């Protein structure tokens, strides 16, 4: 078993909490209140900007040119996600330039950026992998019986897409290459998973 798969399996409790969370299930059925999703879109756009920056910092720390390009390819995937968010924002009248980050959002982005600037590549990828793996998991689970047509169809389609799965696997390979099992690796991975759960809960509670 690889390090990334071991970490993922060790955090299945949090993955299942996210999958069964009423916010995610509301996306699955199309019944989530539009104002909750609009709030989430703004918060997630703020988060994704930090995520892209963390990829860029990790790339700058690479001595290998191929891995440098891999990190920039991953950052390009984040920019594609941001374009999806911009489409939602335009359709629903959300200004992505006037987002005030919630406590859960700021806690997550502060953790990511502090890790990116202050840690080696292995610990950076460990902090970032849960987001990619979790969203790939959620998208695939929600699309398992087909993708229904409702306001959140594009969200499910994006994260169940094989291209997104390939990006998640790329990041996991970097984790396997640069990190080794340690207490800090396990705690960073789990902390990121907790942040993901709290991110959904914050949007649900708004």
N, C-alpha and C. Protein backbone atom coordinates (compact mmCIF):
# COMPACT_ATOMS: atom_id res chain seq x y z
N UNK A 1 0.85 -1.20 0.00
CA UNK A 1 0.00 0.00 0.00
C UNK A 1 0.88 1.25 0.00
N UNK A 2 0.55 2.22 -0.83
CA UNK A 2 1.32 3.46 -0.88
C UNK A 2 1.00 4.34 0.32
N UNK A 3 1.85 5.34 0.56
CA UNK A 3 1.62 6.26 1.66
C UNK A 3 0.29 7.00 1.48
N UNK A 4 0.04 7.50 0.27
CA UNK A 4 -1.18 8.28 0.04
C UNK A 4 -2.43 7.44 0.26
N UNK A 5 -2.42 6.19 -0.19
CA UNK A 5 -3.59 5.33 0.01
C UNK A 5 -3.74 4.95 1.47
N UNK A 6 -2.63 4.77 2.17
CA UNK A 6 -2.68 4.47 3.60
C UNK A 6 -3.30 5.64 4.38
N UNK A 7 -2.87 6.86 4.06
CA UNK A 7 -3.41 8.04 4.72
C UNK A 7 -4.91 8.19 4.43
N UNK A 8 -5.30 7.95 3.19
CA UNK A 8 -6.70 8.05 2.81
C UNK A 8 -7.55 7.03 3.57
N UNK A 9 -7.06 5.79 3.62
CA UNK A 9 -7.81 4.74 4.33
C UNK A 9 -7.91 5.03 5.82
N UNK A 10 -6.89 5.66 6.38
CA UNK A 10 -6.88 5.97 7.81
C UNK A 10 -7.86 7.09 8.16
N UNK A 11 -8.36 7.78 7.15
CA UNK A 11 -9.26 8.91 7.39
C UNK A 11 -10.63 8.71 6.76
N UNK A 12 -11.01 7.45 6.61
CA UNK A 12 -12.31 7.14 6.02
C UNK A 12 -13.48 7.66 6.85
N UNK A 13 -13.28 7.78 8.16
CA UNK A 13 -14.36 8.30 8.99
C UNK A 13 -14.73 9.72 8.58
N UNK A 14 -13.71 10.53 8.30
CA UNK A 14 -13.97 11.91 7.89
C UNK A 14 -14.48 11.98 6.45
N UNK A 15 -13.98 11.09 5.59
CA UNK A 15 -14.47 11.05 4.21
C UNK A 15 -15.96 10.74 4.19
N UNK A 16 -16.39 9.79 5.03
CA UNK A 16 -17.80 9.41 5.07
C UNK A 16 -18.64 10.50 5.72
N UNK A 17 -18.07 11.21 6.69
CA UNK A 17 -18.78 12.36 7.28
C UNK A 17 -19.07 13.40 6.21
N UNK A 18 -18.08 13.64 5.35
CA UNK A 18 -18.27 14.63 4.28
C UNK A 18 -19.33 14.15 3.28
N UNK A 19 -19.25 12.88 2.90
CA UNK A 19 -20.19 12.34 1.91
C UNK A 19 -21.63 12.39 2.42
N UNK A 20 -21.83 12.10 3.69
CA UNK A 20 -23.18 12.06 4.24
C UNK A 20 -23.63 13.40 4.82
N UNK A 21 -22.76 14.40 4.75
CA UNK A 21 -23.13 15.71 5.29
C UNK A 21 -24.32 16.27 4.50
N UNK A 22 -25.27 16.91 5.16
CA UNK A 22 -26.45 17.43 4.45
C UNK A 22 -26.12 18.41 3.33
N UNK A 23 -24.99 19.13 3.44
CA UNK A 23 -24.61 20.04 2.35
C UNK A 23 -24.30 19.23 1.09
N UNK A 24 -23.47 18.20 1.23
CA UNK A 24 -23.08 17.38 0.07
C UNK A 24 -24.29 16.59 -0.45
N UNK A 25 -25.11 16.08 0.45
CA UNK A 25 -26.29 15.35 0.01
C UNK A 25 -27.29 16.28 -0.68
N UNK A 26 -27.31 17.54 -0.26
CA UNK A 26 -28.15 18.52 -0.96
C UNK A 26 -27.68 18.77 -2.37
N UNK A 27 -26.37 18.74 -2.58
CA UNK A 27 -25.82 18.83 -3.94
C UNK A 27 -26.22 17.59 -4.73
N UNK A 28 -26.14 16.43 -4.08
CA UNK A 28 -26.46 15.17 -4.76
C UNK A 28 -27.89 15.16 -5.29
N UNK A 29 -28.82 15.66 -4.49
CA UNK A 29 -30.24 15.61 -4.87
C UNK A 29 -30.73 16.86 -5.58
N UNK A 30 -29.89 17.90 -5.57
CA UNK A 30 -30.31 19.16 -6.17
C UNK A 30 -31.20 19.99 -5.28
N UNK A 31 -31.35 19.59 -4.01
CA UNK A 31 -32.27 20.29 -3.11
C UNK A 31 -31.58 21.31 -2.22
N UNK A 32 -30.27 21.42 -2.30
CA UNK A 32 -29.55 22.39 -1.47
C UNK A 32 -30.04 23.80 -1.77
N UNK A 33 -30.28 24.58 -0.72
CA UNK A 33 -30.72 25.96 -0.91
C UNK A 33 -29.68 26.72 -1.73
N UNK A 34 -30.16 27.48 -2.69
CA UNK A 34 -29.25 28.21 -3.59
C UNK A 34 -28.37 29.19 -2.82
N UNK A 35 -28.90 29.81 -1.77
CA UNK A 35 -28.09 30.78 -1.03
C UNK A 35 -26.93 30.10 -0.31
N UNK A 36 -27.13 28.86 0.13
CA UNK A 36 -26.04 28.12 0.77
C UNK A 36 -24.95 27.78 -0.25
N UNK A 37 -25.39 27.37 -1.44
CA UNK A 37 -24.40 27.03 -2.47
C UNK A 37 -23.68 28.29 -2.95
N UNK A 38 -24.41 29.38 -3.08
CA UNK A 38 -23.78 30.64 -3.50
C UNK A 38 -22.72 31.08 -2.49
N UNK A 39 -23.04 30.93 -1.21
CA UNK A 39 -22.07 31.24 -0.16
C UNK A 39 -20.84 30.34 -0.29
N UNK A 40 -21.07 29.06 -0.49
CA UNK A 40 -19.99 28.09 -0.66
C UNK A 40 -19.10 28.45 -1.85
N UNK A 41 -19.71 28.85 -2.96
CA UNK A 41 -18.94 29.20 -4.16
C UNK A 41 -17.95 30.32 -3.84
N UNK A 42 -18.41 31.35 -3.13
CA UNK A 42 -17.52 32.44 -2.78
C UNK A 42 -16.40 32.00 -1.86
N UNK A 43 -16.73 31.22 -0.85
CA UNK A 43 -15.72 30.73 0.09
C UNK A 43 -14.72 29.80 -0.61
N UNK A 44 -15.23 28.96 -1.49
CA UNK A 44 -14.36 28.02 -2.18
C UNK A 44 -13.44 28.73 -3.16
N UNK A 45 -13.91 29.79 -3.77
CA UNK A 45 -13.05 30.58 -4.66
C UNK A 45 -11.89 31.19 -3.87
N UNK A 46 -12.18 31.71 -2.68
CA UNK A 46 -11.12 32.24 -1.82
C UNK A 46 -10.13 31.14 -1.47
N UNK A 47 -10.65 29.97 -1.12
CA UNK A 47 -9.79 28.83 -0.79
C UNK A 47 -8.92 28.42 -1.99
N UNK A 48 -9.54 28.31 -3.16
CA UNK A 48 -8.81 27.84 -4.34
C UNK A 48 -7.67 28.78 -4.74
N UNK A 49 -7.84 30.06 -4.50
CA UNK A 49 -6.73 30.98 -4.79
C UNK A 49 -5.53 30.65 -3.90
N UNK A 50 -5.79 30.36 -2.62
CA UNK A 50 -4.71 29.96 -1.72
C UNK A 50 -4.12 28.62 -2.14
N UNK A 51 -4.97 27.72 -2.60
CA UNK A 51 -4.52 26.40 -3.03
C UNK A 51 -3.58 26.52 -4.23
N UNK A 52 -3.94 27.38 -5.18
CA UNK A 52 -3.08 27.61 -6.34
C UNK A 52 -1.73 28.20 -5.93
N UNK A 53 -1.76 29.13 -4.98
CA UNK A 53 -0.51 29.71 -4.49
C UNK A 53 0.37 28.66 -3.82
N UNK A 54 -0.24 27.77 -3.07
CA UNK A 54 0.53 26.71 -2.41
C UNK A 54 1.21 25.80 -3.45
N UNK A 55 0.50 25.50 -4.53
CA UNK A 55 1.12 24.74 -5.62
C UNK A 55 2.34 25.48 -6.18
N UNK A 56 2.20 26.78 -6.36
CA UNK A 56 3.29 27.57 -6.93
C UNK A 56 4.50 27.62 -6.00
N UNK A 57 4.25 27.72 -4.70
CA UNK A 57 5.36 27.71 -3.74
C UNK A 57 6.06 26.35 -3.76
N UNK A 58 5.28 25.28 -3.82
CA UNK A 58 5.86 23.93 -3.90
C UNK A 58 6.69 23.79 -5.16
N UNK A 59 6.20 24.31 -6.28
CA UNK A 59 6.94 24.23 -7.54
C UNK A 59 8.28 24.94 -7.43
N UNK A 60 8.28 26.09 -6.76
CA UNK A 60 9.52 26.86 -6.61
C UNK A 60 10.56 26.11 -5.79
N UNK A 61 10.12 25.17 -4.96
CA UNK A 61 11.04 24.41 -4.12
C UNK A 61 11.56 23.16 -4.80
N UNK A 62 11.05 22.87 -6.01
CA UNK A 62 11.47 21.66 -6.74
C UNK A 62 12.83 21.86 -7.40
N UNK A 63 13.67 20.89 -7.27
CA UNK A 63 14.94 20.91 -8.01
C UNK A 63 14.81 20.16 -9.33
N UNK A 64 13.80 19.31 -9.43
CA UNK A 64 13.55 18.52 -10.64
C UNK A 64 12.59 19.26 -11.56
N UNK A 65 12.99 19.46 -12.80
CA UNK A 65 12.18 20.24 -13.74
C UNK A 65 10.86 19.57 -14.07
N UNK A 66 10.86 18.23 -14.18
CA UNK A 66 9.61 17.53 -14.48
C UNK A 66 8.59 17.72 -13.36
N UNK A 67 9.06 17.64 -12.11
CA UNK A 67 8.15 17.84 -10.99
C UNK A 67 7.69 19.29 -10.90
N UNK A 68 8.58 20.22 -11.26
CA UNK A 68 8.20 21.63 -11.34
C UNK A 68 7.02 21.80 -12.28
N UNK A 69 7.10 21.16 -13.45
CA UNK A 69 6.01 21.24 -14.43
C UNK A 69 4.74 20.55 -13.92
N UNK A 70 4.89 19.47 -13.17
CA UNK A 70 3.73 18.77 -12.62
C UNK A 70 2.96 19.68 -11.67
N UNK A 71 3.68 20.38 -10.80
CA UNK A 71 3.01 21.29 -9.88
C UNK A 71 2.28 22.40 -10.63
N UNK A 72 2.88 22.90 -11.70
CA UNK A 72 2.22 23.95 -12.46
C UNK A 72 1.01 23.41 -13.23
N UNK A 73 1.09 22.16 -13.66
CA UNK A 73 -0.07 21.53 -14.28
C UNK A 73 -1.22 21.40 -13.28
N UNK A 74 -0.88 21.04 -12.04
CA UNK A 74 -1.89 20.95 -10.99
C UNK A 74 -2.49 22.32 -10.68
N UNK A 75 -1.64 23.33 -10.68
CA UNK A 75 -2.16 24.69 -10.47
C UNK A 75 -3.10 25.08 -11.60
N UNK A 76 -2.82 24.63 -12.81
CA UNK A 76 -3.71 24.90 -13.94
C UNK A 76 -5.07 24.26 -13.74
N UNK A 77 -5.10 23.09 -13.10
CA UNK A 77 -6.38 22.46 -12.79
C UNK A 77 -7.20 23.30 -11.82
N UNK A 78 -6.52 23.95 -10.88
CA UNK A 78 -7.21 24.83 -9.93
C UNK A 78 -7.80 26.02 -10.67
N UNK A 79 -7.08 26.56 -11.64
CA UNK A 79 -7.59 27.69 -12.41
C UNK A 79 -8.85 27.29 -13.18
N UNK A 80 -8.91 26.03 -13.64
CA UNK A 80 -10.12 25.55 -14.30
C UNK A 80 -11.28 25.51 -13.32
N UNK A 81 -11.02 25.07 -12.10
CA UNK A 81 -12.07 25.07 -11.07
C UNK A 81 -12.56 26.49 -10.80
N UNK A 82 -11.64 27.43 -10.76
CA UNK A 82 -12.02 28.82 -10.51
C UNK A 82 -12.89 29.37 -11.63
N UNK A 83 -12.65 28.91 -12.86
CA UNK A 83 -13.51 29.34 -13.97
C UNK A 83 -14.93 28.80 -13.79
N UNK A 84 -15.05 27.57 -13.29
CA UNK A 84 -16.37 27.03 -13.00
C UNK A 84 -17.07 27.88 -11.95
N UNK A 85 -16.33 28.26 -10.92
CA UNK A 85 -16.89 29.09 -9.86
C UNK A 85 -17.32 30.46 -10.40
N UNK A 86 -16.55 30.99 -11.33
CA UNK A 86 -16.91 32.28 -11.91
C UNK A 86 -18.22 32.17 -12.68
N UNK A 87 -18.41 31.04 -13.36
CA UNK A 87 -19.67 30.83 -14.07
C UNK A 87 -20.85 30.80 -13.11
N UNK A 88 -20.67 30.08 -11.99
CA UNK A 88 -21.72 30.06 -10.96
C UNK A 88 -21.96 31.46 -10.43
N UNK A 89 -20.88 32.17 -10.14
CA UNK A 89 -21.00 33.49 -9.54
C UNK A 89 -21.74 34.45 -10.46
N UNK A 90 -21.43 34.37 -11.75
CA UNK A 90 -22.09 35.23 -12.72
C UNK A 90 -23.58 34.91 -12.79
N UNK A 91 -23.89 33.61 -12.80
CA UNK A 91 -25.29 33.19 -12.93
C UNK A 91 -26.11 33.56 -11.69
N UNK A 92 -25.46 33.55 -10.52
CA UNK A 92 -26.21 33.74 -9.28
C UNK A 92 -25.91 35.06 -8.59
N UNK A 93 -25.21 35.94 -9.28
CA UNK A 93 -25.00 37.27 -8.74
C UNK A 93 -24.07 37.34 -7.55
N UNK A 94 -23.06 36.47 -7.51
CA UNK A 94 -22.08 36.49 -6.42
C UNK A 94 -20.82 37.20 -6.90
N UNK A 95 -20.34 38.18 -6.14
CA UNK A 95 -19.10 38.85 -6.48
C UNK A 95 -17.93 38.14 -5.81
N UNK A 96 -17.06 37.53 -6.61
CA UNK A 96 -15.92 36.81 -6.06
C UNK A 96 -14.82 37.77 -5.61
N UNK A 97 -14.99 39.05 -5.89
CA UNK A 97 -13.97 40.04 -5.51
C UNK A 97 -14.30 40.71 -4.18
N UNK A 98 -15.42 40.32 -3.59
CA UNK A 98 -15.82 40.94 -2.32
C UNK A 98 -16.14 39.86 -1.29
N UNK A 99 -15.33 38.80 -1.28
CA UNK A 99 -15.56 37.69 -0.37
C UNK A 99 -14.85 37.93 0.96
N UNK A 100 -15.61 37.82 2.03
CA UNK A 100 -15.04 37.87 3.37
C UNK A 100 -14.92 36.42 3.86
N UNK A 101 -13.70 35.92 4.00
CA UNK A 101 -13.55 34.52 4.37
C UNK A 101 -14.12 34.21 5.75
N UNK A 102 -14.83 33.11 5.86
CA UNK A 102 -15.35 32.65 7.13
C UNK A 102 -14.21 32.09 7.97
N UNK A 103 -14.49 31.86 9.24
CA UNK A 103 -13.47 31.32 10.14
C UNK A 103 -12.94 29.99 9.62
N UNK A 104 -13.83 29.10 9.19
CA UNK A 104 -13.41 27.79 8.70
C UNK A 104 -12.55 27.92 7.43
N UNK A 105 -12.90 28.86 6.59
CA UNK A 105 -12.14 29.09 5.36
C UNK A 105 -10.75 29.62 5.68
N UNK A 106 -10.70 30.62 6.55
CA UNK A 106 -9.41 31.23 6.91
C UNK A 106 -8.52 30.22 7.64
N UNK A 107 -9.12 29.40 8.49
CA UNK A 107 -8.33 28.39 9.19
C UNK A 107 -7.65 27.44 8.20
N UNK A 108 -8.39 27.07 7.17
CA UNK A 108 -7.86 26.14 6.16
C UNK A 108 -6.78 26.81 5.32
N UNK A 109 -7.06 28.00 4.81
CA UNK A 109 -6.08 28.66 3.94
C UNK A 109 -4.82 29.06 4.71
N UNK A 110 -4.97 29.49 5.95
CA UNK A 110 -3.79 29.82 6.75
C UNK A 110 -2.91 28.59 6.96
N UNK A 111 -3.55 27.46 7.22
CA UNK A 111 -2.81 26.21 7.38
C UNK A 111 -2.07 25.84 6.09
N UNK A 112 -2.75 25.93 4.95
CA UNK A 112 -2.12 25.57 3.67
C UNK A 112 -0.93 26.47 3.36
N UNK A 113 -1.12 27.77 3.49
CA UNK A 113 -0.05 28.70 3.12
C UNK A 113 1.11 28.65 4.10
N UNK A 114 0.82 28.48 5.38
CA UNK A 114 1.90 28.33 6.35
C UNK A 114 2.72 27.08 6.07
N UNK A 115 2.04 25.99 5.71
CA UNK A 115 2.72 24.75 5.37
C UNK A 115 3.54 24.93 4.10
N UNK A 116 2.96 25.60 3.11
CA UNK A 116 3.67 25.79 1.84
C UNK A 116 4.96 26.59 2.03
N UNK A 117 4.89 27.68 2.79
CA UNK A 117 6.06 28.53 2.96
C UNK A 117 7.08 27.94 3.93
N UNK A 118 6.61 27.18 4.92
CA UNK A 118 7.50 26.77 5.99
C UNK A 118 7.93 25.32 5.99
N UNK A 119 7.49 24.54 5.00
CA UNK A 119 7.77 23.10 5.03
C UNK A 119 8.43 22.63 3.74
N UNK A 120 8.95 21.41 3.81
CA UNK A 120 9.50 20.77 2.62
C UNK A 120 8.36 20.27 1.73
N UNK A 121 8.71 19.90 0.50
CA UNK A 121 7.70 19.53 -0.49
C UNK A 121 6.79 18.40 0.00
N UNK A 122 7.36 17.40 0.68
CA UNK A 122 6.56 16.27 1.11
C UNK A 122 5.41 16.67 2.01
N UNK A 123 5.69 17.54 2.97
CA UNK A 123 4.64 17.97 3.89
C UNK A 123 3.62 18.88 3.20
N UNK A 124 4.07 19.62 2.20
CA UNK A 124 3.14 20.46 1.43
C UNK A 124 2.14 19.58 0.69
N UNK A 125 2.64 18.56 0.01
CA UNK A 125 1.73 17.69 -0.76
C UNK A 125 0.78 16.94 0.18
N UNK A 126 1.27 16.57 1.36
CA UNK A 126 0.41 15.88 2.33
C UNK A 126 -0.74 16.79 2.76
N UNK A 127 -0.46 18.08 2.93
CA UNK A 127 -1.51 19.03 3.33
C UNK A 127 -2.52 19.28 2.21
N UNK A 128 -2.09 19.11 0.95
CA UNK A 128 -2.95 19.43 -0.18
C UNK A 128 -3.70 18.22 -0.75
N UNK A 129 -3.15 17.04 -0.56
CA UNK A 129 -3.75 15.84 -1.14
C UNK A 129 -5.18 15.57 -0.68
N UNK A 130 -5.52 15.77 0.62
CA UNK A 130 -6.89 15.46 1.03
C UNK A 130 -7.96 16.19 0.24
N UNK A 131 -7.74 17.42 -0.12
CA UNK A 131 -8.73 18.17 -0.90
C UNK A 131 -9.00 17.49 -2.24
N UNK A 132 -7.93 17.16 -2.95
CA UNK A 132 -8.08 16.56 -4.27
C UNK A 132 -8.70 15.16 -4.18
N UNK A 133 -8.19 14.35 -3.26
CA UNK A 133 -8.71 12.99 -3.15
C UNK A 133 -10.16 13.00 -2.68
N UNK A 134 -10.49 13.86 -1.71
CA UNK A 134 -11.86 13.91 -1.19
C UNK A 134 -12.84 14.34 -2.28
N UNK A 135 -12.50 15.39 -3.04
CA UNK A 135 -13.43 15.86 -4.06
C UNK A 135 -13.59 14.83 -5.18
N UNK A 136 -12.51 14.14 -5.51
CA UNK A 136 -12.63 13.07 -6.49
C UNK A 136 -13.55 11.97 -5.98
N UNK A 137 -13.38 11.63 -4.72
CA UNK A 137 -14.23 10.62 -4.08
C UNK A 137 -15.69 11.05 -4.06
N UNK A 138 -15.94 12.28 -3.65
CA UNK A 138 -17.33 12.77 -3.58
C UNK A 138 -17.97 12.80 -4.96
N UNK A 139 -17.25 13.33 -5.93
CA UNK A 139 -17.79 13.40 -7.29
C UNK A 139 -18.14 12.03 -7.84
N UNK A 140 -17.24 11.08 -7.64
CA UNK A 140 -17.47 9.72 -8.16
C UNK A 140 -18.61 9.03 -7.43
N UNK A 141 -18.71 9.25 -6.12
CA UNK A 141 -19.82 8.65 -5.37
C UNK A 141 -21.16 9.23 -5.80
N UNK A 142 -21.21 10.54 -5.99
CA UNK A 142 -22.48 11.18 -6.36
C UNK A 142 -22.89 10.82 -7.79
N UNK A 143 -21.90 10.46 -8.62
CA UNK A 143 -22.20 10.14 -10.02
C UNK A 143 -22.35 8.64 -10.25
N UNK A 144 -22.25 7.85 -9.18
CA UNK A 144 -22.21 6.40 -9.31
C UNK A 144 -23.43 5.83 -10.02
N UNK A 145 -24.58 6.40 -9.78
CA UNK A 145 -25.82 5.91 -10.40
C UNK A 145 -26.29 6.83 -11.53
N UNK A 146 -25.36 7.58 -12.10
CA UNK A 146 -25.70 8.53 -13.15
C UNK A 146 -25.82 9.93 -12.59
N UNK A 147 -25.59 10.92 -13.43
CA UNK A 147 -25.63 12.31 -13.01
C UNK A 147 -26.98 12.92 -13.37
N UNK A 148 -27.78 13.26 -12.37
CA UNK A 148 -29.09 13.83 -12.65
C UNK A 148 -28.97 15.28 -13.13
N UNK A 149 -30.02 15.77 -13.75
CA UNK A 149 -30.05 17.16 -14.21
C UNK A 149 -30.72 18.02 -13.15
N UNK A 150 -29.95 18.89 -12.53
CA UNK A 150 -30.47 19.84 -11.56
C UNK A 150 -29.44 20.97 -11.42
N UNK A 151 -29.65 21.95 -10.57
CA UNK A 151 -28.74 23.11 -10.53
C UNK A 151 -27.28 22.78 -10.21
N UNK A 152 -27.00 21.60 -9.63
CA UNK A 152 -25.64 21.29 -9.23
C UNK A 152 -25.00 20.18 -10.07
N UNK A 153 -25.60 19.95 -11.23
CA UNK A 153 -25.09 18.93 -12.14
C UNK A 153 -23.64 19.19 -12.51
N UNK A 154 -23.29 20.43 -12.82
CA UNK A 154 -21.92 20.74 -13.24
C UNK A 154 -20.91 20.46 -12.14
N UNK A 155 -21.30 20.69 -10.89
CA UNK A 155 -20.41 20.39 -9.77
C UNK A 155 -20.09 18.90 -9.74
N UNK A 156 -21.12 18.08 -9.83
CA UNK A 156 -20.92 16.62 -9.81
C UNK A 156 -20.11 16.19 -11.03
N UNK A 157 -20.43 16.74 -12.18
CA UNK A 157 -19.74 16.36 -13.40
C UNK A 157 -18.25 16.73 -13.33
N UNK A 158 -17.94 17.88 -12.77
CA UNK A 158 -16.55 18.32 -12.67
C UNK A 158 -15.72 17.37 -11.82
N UNK A 159 -16.23 17.01 -10.65
CA UNK A 159 -15.42 16.23 -9.71
C UNK A 159 -15.51 14.73 -9.93
N UNK A 160 -16.41 14.29 -10.80
CA UNK A 160 -16.45 12.88 -11.18
C UNK A 160 -15.71 12.63 -12.49
N UNK A 161 -15.25 13.70 -13.11
CA UNK A 161 -14.57 13.60 -14.40
C UNK A 161 -13.24 12.86 -14.26
N UNK A 162 -12.92 11.95 -15.16
CA UNK A 162 -11.62 11.25 -15.12
C UNK A 162 -10.42 12.20 -15.13
N UNK A 163 -10.58 13.37 -15.74
CA UNK A 163 -9.47 14.33 -15.76
C UNK A 163 -9.18 14.84 -14.35
N UNK A 164 -10.21 15.03 -13.54
CA UNK A 164 -9.97 15.45 -12.16
C UNK A 164 -9.32 14.32 -11.37
N UNK A 165 -9.75 13.10 -11.62
CA UNK A 165 -9.13 11.94 -10.96
C UNK A 165 -7.64 11.86 -11.30
N UNK A 166 -7.29 12.15 -12.54
CA UNK A 166 -5.88 12.13 -12.93
C UNK A 166 -5.07 13.17 -12.17
N UNK A 167 -5.66 14.35 -11.95
CA UNK A 167 -4.97 15.38 -11.17
C UNK A 167 -4.77 14.92 -9.73
N UNK A 168 -5.80 14.31 -9.16
CA UNK A 168 -5.69 13.80 -7.79
C UNK A 168 -4.59 12.75 -7.70
N UNK A 169 -4.52 11.87 -8.68
CA UNK A 169 -3.49 10.83 -8.68
C UNK A 169 -2.09 11.43 -8.86
N UNK A 170 -1.98 12.47 -9.66
CA UNK A 170 -0.68 13.14 -9.81
C UNK A 170 -0.18 13.66 -8.47
N UNK A 171 -1.08 14.30 -7.72
CA UNK A 171 -0.69 14.85 -6.42
C UNK A 171 -0.36 13.72 -5.44
N UNK A 172 -1.11 12.64 -5.49
CA UNK A 172 -0.81 11.51 -4.62
C UNK A 172 0.55 10.90 -4.95
N UNK A 173 0.90 10.85 -6.22
CA UNK A 173 2.22 10.33 -6.58
C UNK A 173 3.33 11.22 -6.03
N UNK A 174 3.10 12.53 -6.03
CA UNK A 174 4.09 13.44 -5.45
C UNK A 174 4.21 13.21 -3.94
N UNK A 175 3.08 12.97 -3.29
CA UNK A 175 3.11 12.65 -1.86
C UNK A 175 3.91 11.38 -1.62
N UNK A 176 3.67 10.36 -2.43
CA UNK A 176 4.39 9.10 -2.28
C UNK A 176 5.88 9.28 -2.53
N UNK A 177 6.22 10.18 -3.43
CA UNK A 177 7.62 10.40 -3.79
C UNK A 177 8.37 11.21 -2.74
N UNK A 178 7.72 12.24 -2.20
CA UNK A 178 8.44 13.20 -1.36
C UNK A 178 8.23 13.01 0.15
N UNK A 179 7.19 12.32 0.55
CA UNK A 179 6.88 12.20 1.98
C UNK A 179 7.10 10.77 2.46
N UNK A 180 7.31 10.64 3.74
CA UNK A 180 7.38 9.33 4.38
C UNK A 180 6.56 9.38 5.66
N UNK A 181 6.07 8.22 6.07
CA UNK A 181 5.15 8.17 7.20
C UNK A 181 5.81 8.67 8.48
N UNK A 182 5.15 9.63 9.12
CA UNK A 182 5.62 10.19 10.38
C UNK A 182 4.42 10.77 11.11
N UNK A 183 4.63 11.16 12.36
CA UNK A 183 3.53 11.75 13.13
C UNK A 183 3.05 13.05 12.50
N UNK A 184 3.97 13.89 12.02
CA UNK A 184 3.57 15.16 11.41
C UNK A 184 2.84 14.95 10.10
N UNK A 185 3.23 13.95 9.33
CA UNK A 185 2.54 13.64 8.08
C UNK A 185 1.11 13.20 8.38
N UNK A 186 0.93 12.31 9.33
CA UNK A 186 -0.41 11.83 9.68
C UNK A 186 -1.29 12.96 10.23
N UNK A 187 -0.69 13.80 11.09
CA UNK A 187 -1.49 14.88 11.68
C UNK A 187 -1.85 15.95 10.66
N UNK A 188 -0.94 16.26 9.73
CA UNK A 188 -1.24 17.26 8.69
C UNK A 188 -2.35 16.78 7.76
N UNK A 189 -2.28 15.51 7.39
CA UNK A 189 -3.30 14.95 6.50
C UNK A 189 -4.67 14.99 7.19
N UNK A 190 -4.69 14.56 8.44
CA UNK A 190 -5.96 14.53 9.14
C UNK A 190 -6.50 15.93 9.40
N UNK A 191 -5.60 16.87 9.71
CA UNK A 191 -6.05 18.24 9.94
C UNK A 191 -6.71 18.80 8.67
N UNK A 192 -6.12 18.52 7.52
CA UNK A 192 -6.72 18.98 6.26
C UNK A 192 -8.09 18.35 6.04
N UNK A 193 -8.24 17.08 6.40
CA UNK A 193 -9.54 16.43 6.27
C UNK A 193 -10.57 17.05 7.21
N UNK A 194 -10.16 17.38 8.42
CA UNK A 194 -11.05 18.06 9.36
C UNK A 194 -11.47 19.41 8.79
N UNK A 195 -10.51 20.12 8.19
CA UNK A 195 -10.83 21.42 7.58
C UNK A 195 -11.84 21.26 6.46
N UNK A 196 -11.73 20.19 5.68
CA UNK A 196 -12.70 19.95 4.61
C UNK A 196 -14.10 19.75 5.18
N UNK A 197 -14.21 18.92 6.21
CA UNK A 197 -15.52 18.70 6.83
C UNK A 197 -16.09 20.00 7.39
N UNK A 198 -15.23 20.76 8.07
CA UNK A 198 -15.70 22.01 8.68
C UNK A 198 -16.08 23.04 7.61
N UNK A 199 -15.43 22.97 6.46
CA UNK A 199 -15.74 23.88 5.35
C UNK A 199 -17.17 23.64 4.87
N UNK A 200 -17.53 22.38 4.67
CA UNK A 200 -18.91 22.06 4.27
C UNK A 200 -19.89 22.47 5.36
N UNK A 201 -19.52 22.21 6.59
CA UNK A 201 -20.44 22.52 7.69
C UNK A 201 -20.67 24.03 7.81
N UNK A 202 -19.61 24.80 7.60
CA UNK A 202 -19.73 26.25 7.65
C UNK A 202 -20.71 26.75 6.59
N UNK A 203 -20.61 26.18 5.38
CA UNK A 203 -21.53 26.58 4.31
C UNK A 203 -22.96 26.17 4.63
N UNK A 204 -23.12 25.03 5.25
CA UNK A 204 -24.45 24.53 5.59
C UNK A 204 -25.08 25.41 6.67
N UNK A 205 -24.26 25.85 7.62
CA UNK A 205 -24.77 26.59 8.77
C UNK A 205 -25.02 28.07 8.45
N UNK A 206 -24.53 28.56 7.33
CA UNK A 206 -24.64 29.99 7.05
C UNK A 206 -26.10 30.43 6.98
